[in-house]
N, C-alpha and C. Protein backbone atom coordinates (compact mmCIF):
# COMPACT_ATOMS: atom_id res chain seq x y z
N MET A 1 103.05 84.00 119.60
CA MET A 1 101.89 83.78 118.73
C MET A 1 101.89 84.82 117.62
N THR A 2 101.77 84.37 116.39
CA THR A 2 101.78 85.29 115.26
C THR A 2 100.42 85.97 115.12
N ARG A 3 100.42 87.30 115.06
CA ARG A 3 99.15 88.00 114.95
C ARG A 3 98.69 88.02 113.50
N PRO A 4 97.37 88.11 113.28
CA PRO A 4 96.86 88.14 111.90
C PRO A 4 97.32 89.41 111.19
N PRO A 5 97.43 89.34 109.86
CA PRO A 5 97.89 90.52 109.13
C PRO A 5 96.88 91.66 109.19
N THR A 6 97.39 92.86 109.06
CA THR A 6 96.53 94.04 109.01
C THR A 6 95.86 94.12 107.66
N ASP A 7 94.59 94.46 107.66
CA ASP A 7 93.89 94.64 106.39
C ASP A 7 94.57 95.76 105.60
N PRO A 8 94.90 95.52 104.33
CA PRO A 8 95.58 96.56 103.54
C PRO A 8 94.86 97.89 103.57
N ALA A 9 93.52 97.88 103.53
CA ALA A 9 92.76 99.14 103.56
C ALA A 9 93.03 99.91 104.84
N ASP A 10 93.14 99.17 105.97
CA ASP A 10 93.43 99.82 107.25
C ASP A 10 94.85 100.40 107.25
N ALA A 11 95.78 99.64 106.65
CA ALA A 11 97.16 100.12 106.57
C ALA A 11 97.25 101.38 105.72
N PHE A 12 96.53 101.39 104.59
CA PHE A 12 96.54 102.57 103.72
C PHE A 12 95.95 103.78 104.46
N ALA A 13 94.87 103.53 105.20
CA ALA A 13 94.23 104.61 105.95
C ALA A 13 95.17 105.16 107.01
N GLU A 14 95.90 104.26 107.67
CA GLU A 14 96.85 104.70 108.70
C GLU A 14 97.97 105.52 108.08
N LEU A 15 98.41 105.10 106.92
CA LEU A 15 99.46 105.86 106.22
C LEU A 15 98.96 107.26 105.88
N GLY A 16 97.70 107.34 105.47
CA GLY A 16 97.14 108.63 105.10
C GLY A 16 96.93 109.56 106.28
N ARG A 17 96.93 109.01 107.49
CA ARG A 17 96.72 109.84 108.69
C ARG A 17 98.01 110.45 109.22
N ILE A 18 99.13 110.11 108.62
CA ILE A 18 100.40 110.66 109.09
C ILE A 18 100.40 112.16 108.89
N LYS A 19 100.66 112.92 109.93
CA LYS A 19 100.71 114.37 109.86
C LYS A 19 102.17 114.79 109.71
N LEU A 20 102.51 115.26 108.52
CA LEU A 20 103.90 115.54 108.21
C LEU A 20 104.46 116.69 109.04
N GLY A 21 103.58 117.53 109.55
CA GLY A 21 104.06 118.62 110.38
C GLY A 21 104.48 118.15 111.76
N ASP A 22 104.01 116.95 112.16
CA ASP A 22 104.30 116.43 113.49
C ASP A 22 105.44 115.42 113.51
N VAL A 23 105.76 114.84 112.36
CA VAL A 23 106.82 113.82 112.31
C VAL A 23 107.80 114.17 111.20
N GLY A 24 109.04 113.70 111.38
CA GLY A 24 110.07 113.96 110.38
C GLY A 24 110.07 112.90 109.29
N LEU A 25 110.89 113.12 108.27
CA LEU A 25 110.97 112.20 107.15
C LEU A 25 111.39 110.81 107.60
N ASP A 26 112.33 110.72 108.51
CA ASP A 26 112.77 109.40 109.00
C ASP A 26 111.63 108.63 109.65
N ASP A 27 110.78 109.36 110.38
CA ASP A 27 109.63 108.70 111.02
C ASP A 27 108.64 108.20 109.97
N VAL A 28 108.42 108.98 108.92
CA VAL A 28 107.52 108.56 107.86
C VAL A 28 108.04 107.28 107.21
N LEU A 29 109.33 107.25 106.91
CA LEU A 29 109.92 106.08 106.27
C LEU A 29 109.79 104.84 107.16
N GLN A 30 109.99 105.01 108.46
CA GLN A 30 109.88 103.87 109.37
C GLN A 30 108.44 103.37 109.43
N ARG A 31 107.49 104.28 109.42
CA ARG A 31 106.09 103.87 109.42
C ARG A 31 105.75 103.11 108.14
N VAL A 32 106.29 103.56 107.01
CA VAL A 32 106.08 102.87 105.74
C VAL A 32 106.56 101.42 105.85
N ALA A 33 107.76 101.22 106.37
CA ALA A 33 108.32 99.88 106.49
C ALA A 33 107.48 99.01 107.42
N GLU A 34 107.08 99.55 108.56
CA GLU A 34 106.33 98.77 109.54
C GLU A 34 104.95 98.40 109.01
N LEU A 35 104.30 99.33 108.32
CA LEU A 35 102.98 99.03 107.77
C LEU A 35 103.07 97.98 106.66
N ALA A 36 104.10 98.08 105.83
CA ALA A 36 104.27 97.09 104.76
C ALA A 36 104.47 95.70 105.36
N LYS A 37 105.18 95.62 106.46
CA LYS A 37 105.40 94.32 107.11
C LYS A 37 104.09 93.71 107.61
N ARG A 38 103.16 94.55 108.00
CA ARG A 38 101.93 94.07 108.63
C ARG A 38 100.85 93.63 107.65
N VAL A 39 100.99 93.96 106.36
CA VAL A 39 99.88 93.67 105.44
C VAL A 39 99.92 92.27 104.84
N LEU A 40 101.02 91.54 105.03
CA LEU A 40 101.13 90.21 104.42
C LEU A 40 100.90 89.11 105.45
N PRO A 41 100.31 87.99 105.02
CA PRO A 41 100.07 86.88 105.96
C PRO A 41 101.37 86.14 106.31
N THR A 42 102.37 86.23 105.43
CA THR A 42 103.65 85.57 105.66
C THR A 42 104.56 86.47 106.50
N PRO A 43 105.26 85.93 107.50
CA PRO A 43 106.21 86.75 108.26
C PRO A 43 107.32 87.28 107.33
N VAL A 44 107.51 88.57 107.35
CA VAL A 44 108.52 89.20 106.48
C VAL A 44 109.24 90.29 107.25
N GLU A 45 110.36 90.72 106.67
CA GLU A 45 111.05 91.91 107.15
C GLU A 45 111.14 92.88 105.98
N VAL A 46 111.07 94.16 106.29
CA VAL A 46 110.92 95.18 105.24
C VAL A 46 111.97 96.27 105.41
N SER A 47 112.40 96.81 104.29
CA SER A 47 113.29 97.97 104.31
C SER A 47 112.86 98.94 103.22
N VAL A 48 113.31 100.17 103.36
CA VAL A 48 113.07 101.20 102.34
C VAL A 48 114.43 101.71 101.87
N THR A 49 114.69 101.50 100.59
CA THR A 49 115.92 101.99 99.98
C THR A 49 115.66 103.35 99.33
N LEU A 50 116.56 104.28 99.53
CA LEU A 50 116.55 105.54 98.79
C LEU A 50 117.87 105.65 98.04
N VAL A 51 117.83 106.20 96.85
CA VAL A 51 119.03 106.38 96.04
C VAL A 51 119.16 107.86 95.72
N ARG A 52 120.25 108.44 96.15
CA ARG A 52 120.53 109.85 95.87
C ARG A 52 121.87 109.94 95.15
N ASP A 53 121.86 110.64 94.03
CA ASP A 53 123.09 110.82 93.25
C ASP A 53 123.78 109.49 92.97
N GLY A 54 122.99 108.47 92.69
CA GLY A 54 123.55 107.18 92.33
C GLY A 54 123.98 106.31 93.48
N THR A 55 123.83 106.78 94.71
CA THR A 55 124.25 106.01 95.88
C THR A 55 123.03 105.56 96.68
N GLY A 56 122.96 104.25 96.94
CA GLY A 56 121.83 103.71 97.69
C GLY A 56 122.12 103.63 99.18
N TYR A 57 121.07 103.80 99.98
CA TYR A 57 121.19 103.60 101.42
C TYR A 57 119.83 103.20 101.96
N THR A 58 119.84 102.52 103.09
CA THR A 58 118.59 102.08 103.71
C THR A 58 118.13 103.13 104.70
N ALA A 59 116.97 103.70 104.40
CA ALA A 59 116.45 104.79 105.22
C ALA A 59 115.61 104.29 106.38
N ALA A 60 115.07 103.07 106.27
CA ALA A 60 114.27 102.49 107.35
C ALA A 60 114.25 100.98 107.18
N PHE A 61 114.12 100.27 108.30
CA PHE A 61 114.07 98.80 108.22
C PHE A 61 113.42 98.26 109.48
N THR A 62 112.85 97.08 109.35
CA THR A 62 112.15 96.46 110.48
C THR A 62 113.00 95.43 111.21
N HIS A 63 114.12 95.02 110.61
CA HIS A 63 114.99 94.02 111.23
C HIS A 63 116.37 94.12 110.59
N ASP A 64 117.39 93.74 111.35
CA ASP A 64 118.76 93.79 110.83
C ASP A 64 118.94 92.93 109.58
N LEU A 65 118.13 91.88 109.45
CA LEU A 65 118.22 91.02 108.27
C LEU A 65 117.98 91.82 107.00
N ALA A 66 116.95 92.65 106.99
CA ALA A 66 116.64 93.47 105.82
C ALA A 66 117.77 94.46 105.55
N LEU A 67 118.28 95.07 106.60
CA LEU A 67 119.38 96.02 106.45
C LEU A 67 120.61 95.35 105.85
N GLU A 68 120.95 94.16 106.37
CA GLU A 68 122.11 93.43 105.88
C GLU A 68 121.97 93.06 104.40
N MET A 69 120.79 92.61 104.00
CA MET A 69 120.57 92.24 102.61
C MET A 69 120.67 93.46 101.68
N ASP A 70 120.19 94.60 102.15
CA ASP A 70 120.31 95.84 101.37
C ASP A 70 121.77 96.26 101.23
N GLU A 71 122.47 96.28 102.35
CA GLU A 71 123.84 96.80 102.34
C GLU A 71 124.77 95.94 101.50
N ARG A 72 124.46 94.65 101.41
CA ARG A 72 125.24 93.77 100.54
C ARG A 72 125.14 94.25 99.09
N GLN A 73 123.95 94.70 98.72
CA GLN A 73 123.75 95.20 97.36
C GLN A 73 124.47 96.53 97.13
N TYR A 74 124.42 97.40 98.13
CA TYR A 74 125.10 98.69 97.97
C TYR A 74 126.60 98.49 97.79
N ALA A 75 127.16 97.55 98.56
CA ALA A 75 128.60 97.30 98.48
C ALA A 75 128.98 96.78 97.10
N GLN A 76 128.11 95.99 96.50
CA GLN A 76 128.39 95.40 95.18
C GLN A 76 127.84 96.25 94.03
N GLU A 77 127.07 97.30 94.41
CA GLU A 77 126.42 98.18 93.43
C GLU A 77 125.54 97.39 92.46
N SER A 78 124.91 96.35 93.00
CA SER A 78 124.05 95.50 92.17
C SER A 78 123.11 94.70 93.06
N GLY A 79 121.87 94.54 92.58
CA GLY A 79 120.91 93.76 93.34
C GLY A 79 119.49 94.19 93.03
N PRO A 80 118.50 93.42 93.50
CA PRO A 80 117.11 93.72 93.16
C PRO A 80 116.60 95.07 93.65
N CYS A 81 117.02 95.49 94.84
CA CYS A 81 116.50 96.77 95.34
C CYS A 81 117.05 97.93 94.50
N LEU A 82 118.30 97.83 94.06
CA LEU A 82 118.88 98.88 93.23
C LEU A 82 118.26 98.87 91.83
N ASP A 83 118.02 97.69 91.29
CA ASP A 83 117.40 97.60 89.97
C ASP A 83 115.97 98.10 90.00
N ALA A 84 115.25 97.77 91.07
CA ALA A 84 113.87 98.25 91.19
C ALA A 84 113.85 99.77 91.36
N SER A 85 114.83 100.29 92.07
CA SER A 85 114.92 101.74 92.24
C SER A 85 115.18 102.42 90.90
N ALA A 86 116.02 101.80 90.09
CA ALA A 86 116.40 102.40 88.81
C ALA A 86 115.27 102.34 87.79
N THR A 87 114.49 101.27 87.82
CA THR A 87 113.45 101.08 86.80
C THR A 87 112.06 101.47 87.27
N GLY A 88 111.85 101.52 88.59
CA GLY A 88 110.53 101.77 89.12
C GLY A 88 109.62 100.56 89.03
N GLY A 89 110.17 99.41 88.66
CA GLY A 89 109.38 98.21 88.49
C GLY A 89 109.43 97.27 89.67
N VAL A 90 109.04 96.01 89.41
CA VAL A 90 109.01 94.98 90.45
C VAL A 90 110.10 93.95 90.15
N LEU A 91 110.95 93.69 91.13
CA LEU A 91 112.00 92.67 91.01
C LEU A 91 111.70 91.58 92.02
N SER A 92 111.33 90.41 91.52
CA SER A 92 110.97 89.30 92.39
C SER A 92 112.04 88.23 92.37
N VAL A 93 112.35 87.72 93.54
CA VAL A 93 113.26 86.58 93.69
C VAL A 93 112.46 85.47 94.36
N PRO A 94 111.82 84.59 93.59
CA PRO A 94 110.93 83.56 94.17
C PRO A 94 111.65 82.58 95.07
N ASP A 95 112.87 82.18 94.67
CA ASP A 95 113.64 81.21 95.45
C ASP A 95 115.10 81.64 95.39
N ILE A 96 115.59 82.16 96.49
CA ILE A 96 116.94 82.71 96.48
C ILE A 96 118.00 81.63 96.24
N ALA A 97 117.64 80.38 96.53
CA ALA A 97 118.58 79.27 96.31
C ALA A 97 118.82 79.04 94.82
N ALA A 98 117.87 79.46 93.99
CA ALA A 98 118.01 79.26 92.55
C ALA A 98 118.33 80.57 91.83
N GLU A 99 118.60 81.63 92.57
CA GLU A 99 118.84 82.94 91.97
C GLU A 99 120.24 83.01 91.36
N ASP A 100 120.33 83.40 90.07
CA ASP A 100 121.63 83.49 89.43
C ASP A 100 121.92 84.87 88.84
N ARG A 101 121.01 85.84 89.02
CA ARG A 101 121.26 87.19 88.52
C ARG A 101 122.25 87.93 89.41
N TRP A 102 122.18 87.68 90.70
CA TRP A 102 123.07 88.32 91.66
C TRP A 102 123.63 87.22 92.57
N PRO A 103 124.56 86.42 92.08
CA PRO A 103 125.01 85.22 92.80
C PRO A 103 125.61 85.50 94.17
N ASP A 104 126.45 86.54 94.30
CA ASP A 104 127.07 86.81 95.60
C ASP A 104 126.02 87.22 96.63
N TRP A 105 125.11 88.09 96.22
CA TRP A 105 124.04 88.53 97.11
C TRP A 105 123.15 87.35 97.49
N ALA A 106 122.82 86.50 96.51
CA ALA A 106 121.97 85.34 96.77
C ALA A 106 122.63 84.37 97.75
N GLU A 107 123.92 84.18 97.60
CA GLU A 107 124.63 83.28 98.51
C GLU A 107 124.58 83.82 99.94
N ARG A 108 124.79 85.13 100.09
CA ARG A 108 124.72 85.73 101.42
C ARG A 108 123.31 85.59 101.99
N GLY A 109 122.31 85.73 101.13
CA GLY A 109 120.94 85.58 101.57
C GLY A 109 120.65 84.18 102.07
N ARG A 110 121.15 83.19 101.35
CA ARG A 110 120.96 81.80 101.78
C ARG A 110 121.60 81.56 103.14
N GLU A 111 122.79 82.11 103.33
CA GLU A 111 123.49 81.96 104.60
C GLU A 111 122.72 82.62 105.74
N ALA A 112 122.05 83.73 105.42
CA ALA A 112 121.30 84.47 106.44
C ALA A 112 119.91 83.90 106.67
N GLY A 113 119.50 82.94 105.84
CA GLY A 113 118.20 82.33 106.02
C GLY A 113 117.07 82.97 105.25
N VAL A 114 117.40 83.72 104.21
CA VAL A 114 116.37 84.33 103.37
C VAL A 114 115.93 83.32 102.31
N GLY A 115 114.62 83.19 102.10
CA GLY A 115 114.12 82.24 101.11
C GLY A 115 113.65 82.91 99.84
N SER A 116 113.10 84.13 99.96
CA SER A 116 112.58 84.84 98.79
C SER A 116 112.48 86.32 99.10
N SER A 117 112.33 87.12 98.05
CA SER A 117 112.22 88.56 98.26
C SER A 117 111.49 89.20 97.09
N VAL A 118 111.03 90.41 97.33
CA VAL A 118 110.46 91.22 96.26
C VAL A 118 110.80 92.68 96.55
N SER A 119 111.21 93.39 95.51
CA SER A 119 111.51 94.82 95.62
C SER A 119 110.64 95.57 94.62
N ILE A 120 110.00 96.64 95.11
CA ILE A 120 109.08 97.41 94.27
C ILE A 120 109.56 98.86 94.23
N GLY A 121 109.78 99.36 93.02
CA GLY A 121 110.31 100.70 92.87
C GLY A 121 109.36 101.77 93.39
N LEU A 122 109.95 102.81 93.97
CA LEU A 122 109.19 103.95 94.49
C LEU A 122 109.68 105.22 93.81
N PRO A 123 109.05 105.65 92.73
CA PRO A 123 109.44 106.92 92.12
C PRO A 123 108.93 108.07 92.98
N ILE A 124 109.86 108.74 93.68
CA ILE A 124 109.46 109.73 94.67
C ILE A 124 109.56 111.15 94.12
N GLN A 125 110.72 111.53 93.67
CA GLN A 125 110.93 112.83 93.05
C GLN A 125 111.93 112.65 91.94
N GLU A 126 112.09 113.69 91.14
CA GLU A 126 113.02 113.59 90.02
C GLU A 126 114.42 113.23 90.49
N ALA A 127 114.84 113.77 91.63
CA ALA A 127 116.20 113.55 92.09
C ALA A 127 116.31 112.42 93.10
N VAL A 128 115.20 111.83 93.48
CA VAL A 128 115.22 110.78 94.49
C VAL A 128 114.38 109.60 94.02
N VAL A 129 114.98 108.42 93.98
CA VAL A 129 114.22 107.21 93.68
C VAL A 129 114.48 106.21 94.80
N GLY A 130 113.66 105.20 94.87
CA GLY A 130 113.85 104.24 95.94
C GLY A 130 113.09 102.96 95.67
N ALA A 131 113.07 102.09 96.68
CA ALA A 131 112.37 100.82 96.54
C ALA A 131 111.90 100.35 97.90
N LEU A 132 110.77 99.67 97.87
CA LEU A 132 110.26 98.98 99.04
C LEU A 132 110.72 97.54 98.92
N ASN A 133 111.49 97.05 99.89
CA ASN A 133 112.07 95.71 99.83
C ASN A 133 111.45 94.82 100.90
N VAL A 134 111.02 93.63 100.50
CA VAL A 134 110.37 92.72 101.43
C VAL A 134 111.08 91.37 101.36
N TYR A 135 111.53 90.88 102.51
CA TYR A 135 112.30 89.64 102.58
C TYR A 135 111.54 88.61 103.43
N ALA A 136 111.44 87.38 102.91
CA ALA A 136 110.80 86.29 103.64
C ALA A 136 111.81 85.15 103.83
N ARG A 137 111.62 84.37 104.88
CA ARG A 137 112.56 83.28 105.16
C ARG A 137 112.21 82.00 104.40
N THR A 138 111.04 81.96 103.80
CA THR A 138 110.64 80.77 103.05
C THR A 138 110.57 81.10 101.55
N PRO A 139 110.92 80.13 100.69
CA PRO A 139 110.83 80.35 99.25
C PRO A 139 109.37 80.52 98.81
N HIS A 140 109.20 81.21 97.68
CA HIS A 140 107.89 81.36 97.05
C HIS A 140 106.85 81.94 98.02
N SER A 141 107.27 82.93 98.78
CA SER A 141 106.36 83.54 99.76
C SER A 141 105.45 84.61 99.16
N PHE A 142 105.76 85.06 97.94
CA PHE A 142 105.02 86.18 97.37
C PHE A 142 104.26 85.74 96.12
N ASP A 143 102.97 85.45 96.28
CA ASP A 143 102.16 85.10 95.12
C ASP A 143 101.66 86.38 94.45
N GLU A 144 100.87 86.22 93.41
CA GLU A 144 100.39 87.38 92.67
C GLU A 144 99.58 88.32 93.55
N ASP A 145 98.78 87.77 94.43
CA ASP A 145 97.97 88.61 95.31
C ASP A 145 98.85 89.42 96.26
N SER A 146 99.89 88.77 96.80
CA SER A 146 100.79 89.48 97.71
C SER A 146 101.51 90.62 96.99
N VAL A 147 102.01 90.33 95.80
CA VAL A 147 102.71 91.35 95.03
C VAL A 147 101.76 92.49 94.67
N SER A 148 100.52 92.14 94.34
CA SER A 148 99.53 93.17 94.01
C SER A 148 99.27 94.08 95.20
N VAL A 149 99.15 93.49 96.38
CA VAL A 149 98.94 94.29 97.60
C VAL A 149 100.13 95.21 97.83
N LEU A 150 101.33 94.67 97.67
CA LEU A 150 102.53 95.47 97.89
C LEU A 150 102.67 96.59 96.86
N GLU A 151 102.27 96.32 95.62
CA GLU A 151 102.32 97.36 94.59
C GLU A 151 101.38 98.51 94.94
N THR A 152 100.17 98.14 95.38
CA THR A 152 99.22 99.17 95.77
C THR A 152 99.74 99.94 96.98
N PHE A 153 100.29 99.20 97.95
CA PHE A 153 100.84 99.84 99.13
C PHE A 153 102.01 100.75 98.76
N ALA A 154 102.87 100.27 97.84
CA ALA A 154 104.02 101.07 97.42
C ALA A 154 103.58 102.39 96.78
N ALA A 155 102.47 102.35 96.06
CA ALA A 155 101.96 103.58 95.45
C ALA A 155 101.57 104.59 96.53
N TYR A 156 100.89 104.10 97.58
CA TYR A 156 100.55 104.98 98.69
C TYR A 156 101.82 105.47 99.39
N ALA A 157 102.77 104.54 99.58
CA ALA A 157 104.01 104.90 100.25
C ALA A 157 104.77 105.96 99.48
N ALA A 158 104.78 105.84 98.16
CA ALA A 158 105.49 106.82 97.34
C ALA A 158 104.90 108.21 97.50
N VAL A 159 103.57 108.27 97.58
CA VAL A 159 102.91 109.57 97.79
C VAL A 159 103.30 110.15 99.15
N ALA A 160 103.27 109.30 100.18
CA ALA A 160 103.64 109.77 101.51
C ALA A 160 105.08 110.25 101.55
N LEU A 161 105.97 109.50 100.89
CA LEU A 161 107.37 109.88 100.86
C LEU A 161 107.57 111.19 100.11
N ALA A 162 106.86 111.33 98.99
CA ALA A 162 106.98 112.56 98.20
C ALA A 162 106.51 113.76 99.01
N ASN A 163 105.39 113.58 99.73
CA ASN A 163 104.88 114.67 100.56
C ASN A 163 105.85 115.01 101.69
N ALA A 164 106.46 113.96 102.27
CA ALA A 164 107.42 114.19 103.33
C ALA A 164 108.64 114.95 102.81
N GLN A 165 109.09 114.55 101.63
CA GLN A 165 110.21 115.25 101.02
C GLN A 165 109.86 116.70 100.73
N LEU A 166 108.64 116.92 100.23
CA LEU A 166 108.19 118.27 99.92
C LEU A 166 108.12 119.11 101.19
N TYR A 167 107.58 118.51 102.25
CA TYR A 167 107.48 119.24 103.53
C TYR A 167 108.87 119.60 104.04
N ASP A 168 109.78 118.63 103.95
CA ASP A 168 111.14 118.87 104.41
C ASP A 168 111.80 119.98 103.60
N SER A 169 111.60 119.95 102.28
CA SER A 169 112.18 120.98 101.41
C SER A 169 111.57 122.34 101.70
N THR A 170 110.24 122.36 101.94
CA THR A 170 109.56 123.61 102.23
C THR A 170 110.05 124.20 103.54
N ALA A 171 110.25 123.34 104.54
CA ALA A 171 110.75 123.82 105.83
C ALA A 171 112.16 124.39 105.68
N THR A 172 112.98 123.72 104.88
CA THR A 172 114.34 124.22 104.63
C THR A 172 114.30 125.56 103.93
N LEU A 173 113.42 125.68 102.92
CA LEU A 173 113.30 126.93 102.19
C LEU A 173 112.85 128.06 103.11
N ALA A 174 111.90 127.77 103.99
CA ALA A 174 111.41 128.78 104.93
C ALA A 174 112.53 129.24 105.85
N ARG A 175 113.36 128.31 106.31
CA ARG A 175 114.48 128.66 107.17
C ARG A 175 115.48 129.53 106.43
N GLN A 176 115.75 129.17 105.18
CA GLN A 176 116.69 129.96 104.38
C GLN A 176 116.16 131.37 104.13
N MET A 177 114.84 131.47 103.91
CA MET A 177 114.25 132.79 103.69
C MET A 177 114.35 133.64 104.96
N GLN A 178 114.13 133.02 106.12
CA GLN A 178 114.26 133.74 107.37
C GLN A 178 115.68 134.25 107.57
N GLU A 179 116.65 133.39 107.23
CA GLU A 179 118.05 133.80 107.35
C GLU A 179 118.37 134.94 106.39
N ALA A 180 117.82 134.86 105.18
CA ALA A 180 118.06 135.92 104.20
C ALA A 180 117.45 137.24 104.66
N MET A 181 116.25 137.16 105.24
CA MET A 181 115.60 138.38 105.73
C MET A 181 116.39 138.99 106.88
N ALA A 182 116.91 138.13 107.76
CA ALA A 182 117.72 138.63 108.87
C ALA A 182 118.99 139.30 108.35
N SER A 183 119.60 138.68 107.33
CA SER A 183 120.81 139.26 106.73
C SER A 183 120.50 140.61 106.11
N ARG A 184 119.38 140.68 105.38
CA ARG A 184 119.00 141.94 104.74
C ARG A 184 118.78 143.03 105.78
N ALA A 185 118.15 142.65 106.90
CA ALA A 185 117.86 143.63 107.95
C ALA A 185 119.14 144.21 108.53
N VAL A 186 120.11 143.35 108.82
CA VAL A 186 121.34 143.84 109.43
C VAL A 186 122.17 144.65 108.43
N ILE A 187 122.11 144.26 107.16
CA ILE A 187 122.82 145.03 106.12
C ILE A 187 122.22 146.42 105.99
N GLU A 188 120.88 146.50 106.04
CA GLU A 188 120.22 147.81 105.95
C GLU A 188 120.58 148.67 107.15
N GLN A 189 120.68 148.05 108.34
CA GLN A 189 121.10 148.80 109.52
C GLN A 189 122.51 149.36 109.35
N ALA A 190 123.41 148.51 108.85
CA ALA A 190 124.80 148.94 108.65
C ALA A 190 124.88 150.05 107.62
N LYS A 191 124.10 149.93 106.55
CA LYS A 191 124.08 150.97 105.53
C LYS A 191 123.62 152.29 106.14
N GLY A 192 122.62 152.24 107.00
CA GLY A 192 122.13 153.45 107.65
C GLY A 192 123.20 154.11 108.50
N ILE A 193 123.99 153.27 109.20
CA ILE A 193 125.08 153.82 110.02
C ILE A 193 126.11 154.51 109.15
N ILE A 194 126.49 153.85 108.06
CA ILE A 194 127.50 154.43 107.16
C ILE A 194 126.96 155.70 106.52
N MET A 195 125.71 155.71 106.09
CA MET A 195 125.12 156.90 105.47
C MET A 195 125.12 158.08 106.44
N ALA A 196 124.83 157.79 107.72
CA ALA A 196 124.81 158.86 108.71
C ALA A 196 126.22 159.39 108.98
N GLU A 197 127.19 158.49 109.00
CA GLU A 197 128.56 158.90 109.30
C GLU A 197 129.23 159.61 108.14
N ARG A 198 128.97 159.14 106.92
CA ARG A 198 129.70 159.64 105.75
C ARG A 198 128.86 160.53 104.83
N ARG A 199 127.58 160.70 105.18
CA ARG A 199 126.70 161.52 104.35
C ARG A 199 126.71 161.04 102.90
N CYS A 200 126.52 159.72 102.72
CA CYS A 200 126.55 159.14 101.37
C CYS A 200 125.21 158.52 101.03
N THR A 201 125.06 158.05 99.80
CA THR A 201 123.83 157.43 99.33
C THR A 201 123.79 155.96 99.76
N PRO A 202 122.61 155.32 99.67
CA PRO A 202 122.51 153.89 100.00
C PRO A 202 123.44 153.03 99.15
N ALA A 203 123.53 153.35 97.85
CA ALA A 203 124.41 152.58 96.96
C ALA A 203 125.86 152.73 97.38
N GLU A 204 126.26 153.94 97.74
CA GLU A 204 127.65 154.18 98.16
C GLU A 204 127.93 153.47 99.49
N ALA A 205 126.94 153.43 100.37
CA ALA A 205 127.12 152.75 101.66
C ALA A 205 127.31 151.26 101.46
N PHE A 206 126.53 150.67 100.55
CA PHE A 206 126.68 149.24 100.29
C PHE A 206 128.04 148.96 99.64
N ALA A 207 128.49 149.84 98.75
CA ALA A 207 129.79 149.66 98.11
C ALA A 207 130.90 149.66 99.14
N ILE A 208 130.75 150.49 100.17
CA ILE A 208 131.76 150.53 101.24
C ILE A 208 131.77 149.21 102.01
N LEU A 209 130.57 148.68 102.31
CA LEU A 209 130.49 147.38 102.99
C LEU A 209 131.14 146.28 102.16
N ALA A 210 130.82 146.27 100.86
CA ALA A 210 131.36 145.25 99.97
C ALA A 210 132.87 145.35 99.86
N LYS A 211 133.38 146.57 99.89
CA LYS A 211 134.83 146.77 99.77
C LYS A 211 135.57 146.25 101.00
N VAL A 212 134.92 146.35 102.15
CA VAL A 212 135.53 145.89 103.39
C VAL A 212 135.56 144.36 103.47
N SER A 213 134.68 143.70 102.71
CA SER A 213 134.60 142.24 102.79
C SER A 213 134.86 141.59 101.44
N PRO A 214 136.08 141.75 100.88
CA PRO A 214 136.35 141.20 99.56
C PRO A 214 136.66 139.70 99.57
N GLY A 215 137.10 139.17 100.70
CA GLY A 215 137.53 137.77 100.75
C GLY A 215 136.34 136.82 100.83
N PRO A 216 136.53 135.55 100.41
CA PRO A 216 135.46 134.55 100.43
C PRO A 216 135.02 134.16 101.83
N ASN A 217 135.90 134.38 102.82
CA ASN A 217 135.59 133.97 104.18
C ASN A 217 135.00 135.09 105.03
N ARG A 218 134.79 136.25 104.41
CA ARG A 218 134.20 137.37 105.14
C ARG A 218 133.05 137.94 104.33
N LYS A 219 131.85 137.60 104.73
CA LYS A 219 130.68 137.99 103.98
C LYS A 219 130.24 139.40 104.35
N VAL A 220 129.48 140.02 103.43
CA VAL A 220 128.96 141.36 103.68
C VAL A 220 128.11 141.37 104.94
N ARG A 221 127.32 140.30 105.14
CA ARG A 221 126.48 140.26 106.33
C ARG A 221 127.30 140.29 107.60
N ASP A 222 128.42 139.56 107.62
CA ASP A 222 129.27 139.51 108.81
C ASP A 222 129.88 140.88 109.11
N VAL A 223 130.32 141.56 108.05
CA VAL A 223 130.88 142.91 108.22
C VAL A 223 129.80 143.85 108.74
N ALA A 224 128.60 143.73 108.17
CA ALA A 224 127.49 144.58 108.59
C ALA A 224 127.15 144.33 110.06
N GLN A 225 127.11 143.04 110.47
CA GLN A 225 126.79 142.70 111.86
C GLN A 225 127.83 143.26 112.81
N ALA A 226 129.11 143.15 112.43
CA ALA A 226 130.18 143.68 113.27
C ALA A 226 130.04 145.18 113.45
N LEU A 227 129.68 145.87 112.37
CA LEU A 227 129.51 147.33 112.43
C LEU A 227 128.34 147.70 113.33
N VAL A 228 127.23 146.98 113.18
CA VAL A 228 126.06 147.25 114.02
C VAL A 228 126.36 146.97 115.48
N ASP A 229 127.03 145.85 115.77
CA ASP A 229 127.37 145.50 117.15
C ASP A 229 128.29 146.54 117.75
N ARG A 230 129.26 146.99 116.98
CA ARG A 230 130.20 147.99 117.48
C ARG A 230 129.49 149.31 117.78
N THR A 231 128.57 149.69 116.90
CA THR A 231 127.85 150.95 117.09
C THR A 231 126.93 150.88 118.30
N VAL A 232 126.23 149.72 118.44
CA VAL A 232 125.34 149.54 119.59
C VAL A 232 126.15 149.53 120.88
N GLY A 233 127.31 148.85 120.85
CA GLY A 233 128.16 148.81 122.03
C GLY A 233 128.68 150.18 122.42
N ALA A 234 129.05 150.98 121.41
CA ALA A 234 129.58 152.32 121.68
C ALA A 234 128.49 153.22 122.25
N SER A 235 127.28 153.08 121.75
CA SER A 235 126.19 153.93 122.24
C SER A 235 125.76 153.56 123.64
N GLY A 236 126.02 152.29 123.99
CA GLY A 236 125.62 151.85 125.33
C GLY A 236 126.70 152.06 126.37
N ALA A 237 127.91 152.43 125.91
CA ALA A 237 129.03 152.61 126.84
C ALA A 237 128.87 153.86 127.69
């Protein structure tokens, strides 16, 4: 039995309740796809395309049909989801049987039982663009009201995706800062050991560390850690 569609307002509210600290970017993308599937009265399958450095990939999908239709476009480097990603606009295919802009993709869609589709661009960040792709098995499944709902939903989705990307980037930056602080701490320890042994200045101690690690595969931090470990080991012997 087909359940009634979710009220778009309820779907938007659910999207807004996603706590980015509790879920990863992949989970956010999957929620976006599932919520988009639930807001239309027509049975559909949904995917989310992301394009990085000119290469498209499907980050989330509700059914293999949506994934297959996306990947056909990536292989050919052409199709509505890629065009919508590039322009940020809406690419509608009312009847895939009559589609002539992407004939190979349309033929594969007909074979797979797709009747119509719509892709809506998601401008997420300067370096990341994407599209919300919705596939239906019947032609002319997306009227103006449906497209309007999806456009509004896509706007909410883009905000959620942007926030997820920002959270992910912030977490990465925090991890890098922690690593940098740890490196600085061990380098300062090593400098202290050298200063005590050689009665030299901090600058001279760092120059000695740098001189010991001239190659690209041996970093100053690694040399410093080895010196600290050796000193700690000797003192504990």
